[in-house]
C-alpha cells in the first residue's frame, strides 16, 4: 500500500510504502498525486519512505513503476529515498546519476534529514 505523507509543501510529494505495494497503489494513489502536483508545478520533489512496514513490490507494481518513471522522468527536481534496504540503497546509488534531478538516499533513522533536504 502507498500512503501520502501530510504536511509537506505543495511542490513536494511524500509517499510511504506499507506492506506490499501493488499495481493498484500506483493507479489509485501515486499517479493521481503526481499528476495533481504537476498541474501546478513544472518540477516536483519526491520523498519516498520505504520503512520497516514495507514488505516489497508485487510483480505488476514493478511494471507500473517503470511506466510511471518513463512518463515522468524529467518531472523531478529532487528525490529522497528513505530506506534501510541495502539492495534499494545500492541500486539508487548506482543508477541515481541517470536521473535529471538530484537523488539522495537516507537511512530510516534520518527521515527528518531527508525531509529537510527535500523541502529546502
N, C-alpha and C. Protein backbone atom coordinates (compact mmCIF):
# COMPACT_ATOMS: atom_id res chain seq x y z
N UNK A 1 0.84 -1.17 0.00
CA UNK A 1 0.00 0.00 0.00
C UNK A 1 0.89 1.24 0.00
N UNK A 2 0.46 2.27 -0.71
CA UNK A 2 1.12 3.56 -0.71
C UNK A 2 0.24 4.56 0.01
N UNK A 3 0.86 5.35 0.87
CA UNK A 3 0.13 6.33 1.67
C UNK A 3 0.78 7.70 1.47
N UNK A 4 -0.03 8.73 1.25
CA UNK A 4 0.50 10.08 1.12
C UNK A 4 0.93 10.61 2.48
N UNK A 5 2.07 11.28 2.51
CA UNK A 5 2.55 11.89 3.75
C UNK A 5 2.02 13.32 3.82
N UNK A 6 1.46 13.71 4.97
CA UNK A 6 0.87 15.04 5.11
C UNK A 6 1.91 16.11 5.44
N UNK A 7 1.46 17.35 5.43
CA UNK A 7 2.21 18.50 5.94
C UNK A 7 3.52 18.78 5.22
N UNK A 8 3.51 18.62 3.90
CA UNK A 8 4.67 18.97 3.08
C UNK A 8 4.29 20.11 2.15
N UNK A 9 5.27 20.90 1.71
CA UNK A 9 4.95 21.97 0.74
C UNK A 9 4.29 21.38 -0.51
N UNK A 10 3.54 22.22 -1.21
CA UNK A 10 2.76 21.74 -2.35
C UNK A 10 3.61 21.13 -3.45
N UNK A 11 4.84 21.58 -3.62
CA UNK A 11 5.70 21.05 -4.68
C UNK A 11 6.43 19.77 -4.27
N UNK A 12 6.17 19.30 -3.05
CA UNK A 12 6.80 18.08 -2.54
C UNK A 12 5.73 17.02 -2.34
N UNK A 13 5.96 15.86 -2.93
CA UNK A 13 5.07 14.73 -2.75
C UNK A 13 5.76 13.73 -1.84
N UNK A 14 5.13 13.43 -0.72
CA UNK A 14 5.64 12.44 0.21
C UNK A 14 4.82 11.17 0.13
N UNK A 15 5.50 10.05 -0.01
CA UNK A 15 4.84 8.74 -0.12
C UNK A 15 5.51 7.79 0.86
N UNK A 16 4.69 6.99 1.54
CA UNK A 16 5.20 5.95 2.42
C UNK A 16 4.67 4.61 1.94
N UNK A 17 5.57 3.65 1.75
CA UNK A 17 5.19 2.30 1.34
C UNK A 17 4.99 1.45 2.59
N UNK A 18 3.84 0.76 2.65
CA UNK A 18 3.49 -0.08 3.78
C UNK A 18 3.06 -1.44 3.25
N UNK A 19 3.59 -2.49 3.84
CA UNK A 19 3.22 -3.84 3.39
C UNK A 19 3.68 -4.07 1.97
N UNK A 20 2.83 -4.73 1.19
CA UNK A 20 3.13 -4.98 -0.22
C UNK A 20 2.59 -3.85 -1.08
N UNK A 21 3.41 -3.35 -1.99
CA UNK A 21 2.98 -2.33 -2.94
C UNK A 21 2.48 -3.05 -4.18
N UNK A 22 1.26 -2.74 -4.57
CA UNK A 22 0.61 -3.39 -5.71
C UNK A 22 0.39 -2.40 -6.84
N UNK A 23 0.05 -2.90 -8.03
CA UNK A 23 -0.17 -2.03 -9.17
C UNK A 23 -1.31 -1.05 -8.93
N UNK A 24 -2.34 -1.45 -8.20
CA UNK A 24 -3.45 -0.55 -7.90
C UNK A 24 -3.01 0.67 -7.08
N UNK A 25 -1.96 0.51 -6.29
CA UNK A 25 -1.45 1.63 -5.49
C UNK A 25 -0.94 2.74 -6.40
N UNK A 26 -0.37 2.37 -7.52
CA UNK A 26 0.10 3.37 -8.48
C UNK A 26 -1.09 4.08 -9.11
N UNK A 27 -2.05 3.30 -9.57
CA UNK A 27 -3.21 3.85 -10.26
C UNK A 27 -4.09 4.68 -9.33
N UNK A 28 -4.24 4.25 -8.08
CA UNK A 28 -5.17 4.90 -7.15
C UNK A 28 -4.54 6.01 -6.31
N UNK A 29 -3.24 5.93 -6.06
CA UNK A 29 -2.60 6.88 -5.14
C UNK A 29 -1.50 7.70 -5.82
N UNK A 30 -0.48 7.02 -6.31
CA UNK A 30 0.72 7.72 -6.76
C UNK A 30 0.51 8.54 -8.04
N UNK A 31 -0.03 7.94 -9.07
CA UNK A 31 -0.22 8.65 -10.34
C UNK A 31 -1.12 9.87 -10.17
N UNK A 32 -2.28 9.76 -9.50
CA UNK A 32 -3.10 10.95 -9.31
C UNK A 32 -2.40 12.05 -8.51
N UNK A 33 -1.61 11.66 -7.51
CA UNK A 33 -0.90 12.66 -6.69
C UNK A 33 0.17 13.37 -7.51
N UNK A 34 0.90 12.63 -8.33
CA UNK A 34 1.92 13.24 -9.19
C UNK A 34 1.26 14.15 -10.21
N UNK A 35 0.22 13.66 -10.88
CA UNK A 35 -0.48 14.47 -11.88
C UNK A 35 -1.04 15.76 -11.25
N UNK A 36 -1.56 15.65 -10.05
CA UNK A 36 -2.10 16.82 -9.35
C UNK A 36 -1.01 17.87 -9.13
N UNK A 37 0.13 17.46 -8.65
CA UNK A 37 1.20 18.42 -8.38
C UNK A 37 1.79 18.98 -9.67
N UNK A 38 1.91 18.13 -10.68
CA UNK A 38 2.47 18.61 -11.95
C UNK A 38 1.50 19.55 -12.68
N UNK A 39 0.24 19.54 -12.29
CA UNK A 39 -0.70 20.50 -12.88
C UNK A 39 -0.44 21.92 -12.34
N UNK A 40 0.29 22.01 -11.22
CA UNK A 40 0.58 23.31 -10.60
C UNK A 40 2.06 23.68 -10.61
N UNK A 41 2.93 22.70 -10.85
CA UNK A 41 4.38 22.95 -10.79
C UNK A 41 5.06 22.28 -11.98
N UNK A 42 6.04 22.97 -12.54
CA UNK A 42 6.79 22.40 -13.66
C UNK A 42 7.63 21.21 -13.20
N UNK A 43 8.24 21.34 -12.02
CA UNK A 43 9.06 20.28 -11.42
C UNK A 43 8.55 20.05 -10.00
N UNK A 44 8.62 18.80 -9.56
CA UNK A 44 8.24 18.49 -8.19
C UNK A 44 9.36 17.73 -7.51
N UNK A 45 9.21 17.56 -6.21
CA UNK A 45 10.17 16.79 -5.43
C UNK A 45 9.43 15.60 -4.81
N UNK A 46 10.16 14.49 -4.66
CA UNK A 46 9.55 13.26 -4.17
C UNK A 46 10.31 12.77 -2.95
N UNK A 47 9.58 12.55 -1.86
CA UNK A 47 10.09 11.92 -0.66
C UNK A 47 9.44 10.54 -0.59
N UNK A 48 10.24 9.49 -0.70
CA UNK A 48 9.70 8.13 -0.77
C UNK A 48 10.27 7.34 0.40
N UNK A 49 9.40 7.00 1.35
CA UNK A 49 9.81 6.30 2.57
C UNK A 49 9.45 4.83 2.46
N UNK A 50 10.47 4.00 2.49
CA UNK A 50 10.32 2.54 2.48
C UNK A 50 10.76 2.05 3.85
N UNK A 51 9.87 2.20 4.82
CA UNK A 51 10.21 1.93 6.21
C UNK A 51 10.11 0.47 6.61
N UNK A 52 10.10 0.27 7.91
CA UNK A 52 10.08 -1.08 8.46
C UNK A 52 8.80 -1.84 8.09
N UNK A 53 7.72 -1.11 7.81
CA UNK A 53 6.45 -1.75 7.46
C UNK A 53 6.41 -2.20 6.01
N UNK A 54 7.38 -1.80 5.20
CA UNK A 54 7.43 -2.13 3.78
C UNK A 54 7.90 -3.58 3.60
N UNK A 55 7.10 -4.37 2.85
CA UNK A 55 7.45 -5.76 2.60
C UNK A 55 8.04 -6.00 1.22
N UNK A 56 7.60 -5.21 0.23
CA UNK A 56 8.13 -5.39 -1.12
C UNK A 56 7.11 -5.01 -2.17
N UNK A 57 7.52 -5.19 -3.42
CA UNK A 57 6.68 -4.88 -4.58
C UNK A 57 6.16 -6.16 -5.19
N UNK A 58 4.90 -6.15 -5.58
CA UNK A 58 4.38 -7.25 -6.37
C UNK A 58 4.83 -7.03 -7.81
N UNK A 59 4.85 -8.09 -8.60
CA UNK A 59 5.37 -8.03 -9.97
C UNK A 59 4.72 -6.95 -10.82
N UNK A 60 3.41 -6.83 -10.77
CA UNK A 60 2.72 -5.82 -11.56
C UNK A 60 3.06 -4.41 -11.11
N UNK A 61 3.37 -4.25 -9.84
CA UNK A 61 3.74 -2.92 -9.33
C UNK A 61 5.07 -2.47 -9.93
N UNK A 62 5.98 -3.38 -10.12
CA UNK A 62 7.26 -3.02 -10.74
C UNK A 62 7.05 -2.52 -12.16
N UNK A 63 6.13 -3.14 -12.89
CA UNK A 63 5.81 -2.69 -14.24
C UNK A 63 5.20 -1.29 -14.20
N UNK A 64 4.28 -1.05 -13.26
CA UNK A 64 3.67 0.27 -13.12
C UNK A 64 4.73 1.32 -12.77
N UNK A 65 5.68 0.93 -11.93
CA UNK A 65 6.77 1.84 -11.55
C UNK A 65 7.61 2.21 -12.77
N UNK A 66 7.92 1.24 -13.58
CA UNK A 66 8.71 1.50 -14.79
C UNK A 66 7.95 2.42 -15.75
N UNK A 67 6.67 2.17 -15.94
CA UNK A 67 5.86 3.02 -16.83
C UNK A 67 5.79 4.45 -16.29
N UNK A 68 5.57 4.58 -14.99
CA UNK A 68 5.50 5.91 -14.38
C UNK A 68 6.83 6.63 -14.51
N UNK A 69 7.91 5.92 -14.31
CA UNK A 69 9.24 6.51 -14.43
C UNK A 69 9.50 7.06 -15.82
N UNK A 70 9.07 6.35 -16.83
CA UNK A 70 9.24 6.83 -18.20
C UNK A 70 8.37 8.05 -18.48
N UNK A 71 7.16 8.03 -17.96
CA UNK A 71 6.22 9.13 -18.20
C UNK A 71 6.65 10.42 -17.51
N UNK A 72 7.21 10.31 -16.31
CA UNK A 72 7.52 11.49 -15.51
C UNK A 72 9.02 11.69 -15.31
N UNK A 73 9.83 11.10 -16.15
CA UNK A 73 11.29 11.06 -15.97
C UNK A 73 11.91 12.43 -15.69
N UNK A 74 11.50 13.45 -16.41
CA UNK A 74 12.12 14.78 -16.26
C UNK A 74 11.32 15.70 -15.34
N UNK A 75 10.38 15.16 -14.60
CA UNK A 75 9.48 15.98 -13.77
C UNK A 75 9.98 16.23 -12.36
N UNK A 76 11.10 15.64 -11.98
CA UNK A 76 11.57 15.73 -10.60
C UNK A 76 12.80 16.61 -10.47
N UNK A 77 12.74 17.50 -9.51
CA UNK A 77 13.87 18.37 -9.18
C UNK A 77 14.79 17.64 -8.19
N UNK A 78 14.18 16.99 -7.21
CA UNK A 78 14.91 16.21 -6.21
C UNK A 78 14.08 14.99 -5.83
N UNK A 79 14.80 13.91 -5.50
CA UNK A 79 14.16 12.70 -4.98
C UNK A 79 14.95 12.24 -3.78
N UNK A 80 14.25 12.02 -2.67
CA UNK A 80 14.87 11.47 -1.47
C UNK A 80 14.23 10.11 -1.21
N UNK A 81 15.07 9.08 -1.14
CA UNK A 81 14.61 7.73 -0.83
C UNK A 81 15.06 7.43 0.60
N UNK A 82 14.13 7.03 1.44
CA UNK A 82 14.43 6.71 2.84
C UNK A 82 14.22 5.22 3.03
N UNK A 83 15.30 4.51 3.30
CA UNK A 83 15.22 3.06 3.44
C UNK A 83 16.46 2.52 4.16
N UNK A 84 16.29 1.38 4.79
CA UNK A 84 17.42 0.65 5.35
C UNK A 84 17.77 -0.56 4.49
N UNK A 85 17.06 -0.74 3.38
CA UNK A 85 17.34 -1.84 2.47
C UNK A 85 18.65 -1.58 1.73
N UNK A 86 19.60 -2.47 1.93
CA UNK A 86 20.89 -2.32 1.24
C UNK A 86 20.73 -2.47 -0.27
N UNK A 87 19.85 -3.36 -0.70
CA UNK A 87 19.62 -3.56 -2.13
C UNK A 87 19.07 -2.30 -2.78
N UNK A 88 18.06 -1.71 -2.17
CA UNK A 88 17.47 -0.49 -2.73
C UNK A 88 18.47 0.65 -2.67
N UNK A 89 19.16 0.80 -1.55
CA UNK A 89 20.16 1.88 -1.42
C UNK A 89 21.24 1.77 -2.48
N UNK A 90 21.77 0.56 -2.66
CA UNK A 90 22.82 0.35 -3.66
C UNK A 90 22.31 0.60 -5.08
N UNK A 91 21.09 0.17 -5.35
CA UNK A 91 20.51 0.38 -6.67
C UNK A 91 20.33 1.86 -6.97
N UNK A 92 19.81 2.60 -6.00
CA UNK A 92 19.61 4.05 -6.19
C UNK A 92 20.95 4.74 -6.36
N UNK A 93 21.93 4.37 -5.56
CA UNK A 93 23.25 4.99 -5.67
C UNK A 93 23.92 4.64 -7.00
N UNK A 94 23.69 3.42 -7.49
CA UNK A 94 24.30 3.00 -8.74
C UNK A 94 23.67 3.67 -9.95
N UNK A 95 22.34 3.88 -9.90
CA UNK A 95 21.63 4.37 -11.08
C UNK A 95 21.05 5.77 -10.91
N UNK A 96 21.18 6.35 -9.72
CA UNK A 96 20.61 7.67 -9.46
C UNK A 96 21.19 8.76 -10.37
N UNK A 97 22.43 8.58 -10.78
CA UNK A 97 23.07 9.58 -11.64
C UNK A 97 22.37 9.70 -13.00
N UNK A 98 21.57 8.70 -13.36
CA UNK A 98 20.83 8.75 -14.62
C UNK A 98 19.65 9.71 -14.57
N UNK A 99 19.21 10.02 -13.36
CA UNK A 99 18.05 10.91 -13.20
C UNK A 99 18.48 12.35 -13.48
N UNK A 100 17.59 13.13 -14.10
CA UNK A 100 17.94 14.52 -14.40
C UNK A 100 18.03 15.40 -13.15
N UNK A 101 17.35 15.06 -12.07
CA UNK A 101 17.40 15.82 -10.83
C UNK A 101 18.34 15.17 -9.83
N UNK A 102 18.44 15.78 -8.64
CA UNK A 102 19.27 15.23 -7.58
C UNK A 102 18.55 14.07 -6.90
N UNK A 103 19.31 13.04 -6.56
CA UNK A 103 18.76 11.88 -5.86
C UNK A 103 19.67 11.57 -4.67
N UNK A 104 19.06 11.42 -3.49
CA UNK A 104 19.82 11.04 -2.30
C UNK A 104 19.09 9.92 -1.58
N UNK A 105 19.88 9.08 -0.90
CA UNK A 105 19.34 8.00 -0.10
C UNK A 105 19.65 8.29 1.37
N UNK A 106 18.64 8.09 2.21
CA UNK A 106 18.79 8.31 3.64
C UNK A 106 18.36 7.05 4.39
N UNK A 107 18.99 6.78 5.54
CA UNK A 107 18.50 5.67 6.36
C UNK A 107 17.21 6.07 7.06
N UNK A 108 16.44 5.08 7.47
CA UNK A 108 15.17 5.35 8.14
C UNK A 108 15.36 6.23 9.37
N UNK A 109 16.46 6.06 10.07
CA UNK A 109 16.71 6.85 11.27
C UNK A 109 16.86 8.34 10.96
N UNK A 110 17.09 8.69 9.69
CA UNK A 110 17.28 10.08 9.31
C UNK A 110 16.17 10.60 8.40
N UNK A 111 14.95 10.16 8.64
CA UNK A 111 13.82 10.64 7.84
C UNK A 111 13.67 12.15 7.98
N UNK A 112 14.03 12.71 9.12
CA UNK A 112 13.98 14.16 9.30
C UNK A 112 14.99 14.86 8.41
N UNK A 113 16.17 14.29 8.27
CA UNK A 113 17.18 14.86 7.37
C UNK A 113 16.72 14.82 5.93
N UNK A 114 16.11 13.72 5.53
CA UNK A 114 15.58 13.61 4.17
C UNK A 114 14.48 14.62 3.93
N UNK A 115 13.60 14.79 4.92
CA UNK A 115 12.50 15.75 4.79
C UNK A 115 13.05 17.16 4.71
N UNK A 116 14.06 17.47 5.53
CA UNK A 116 14.68 18.79 5.48
C UNK A 116 15.32 19.08 4.14
N UNK A 117 16.02 18.10 3.58
CA UNK A 117 16.68 18.30 2.29
C UNK A 117 15.66 18.46 1.17
N UNK A 118 14.63 17.63 1.18
CA UNK A 118 13.66 17.65 0.08
C UNK A 118 12.82 18.92 0.10
N UNK A 119 12.64 19.52 1.27
CA UNK A 119 11.81 20.72 1.38
C UNK A 119 12.63 22.01 1.33
N UNK A 120 13.95 21.92 1.37
CA UNK A 120 14.77 23.16 1.37
C UNK A 120 14.96 23.73 -0.02
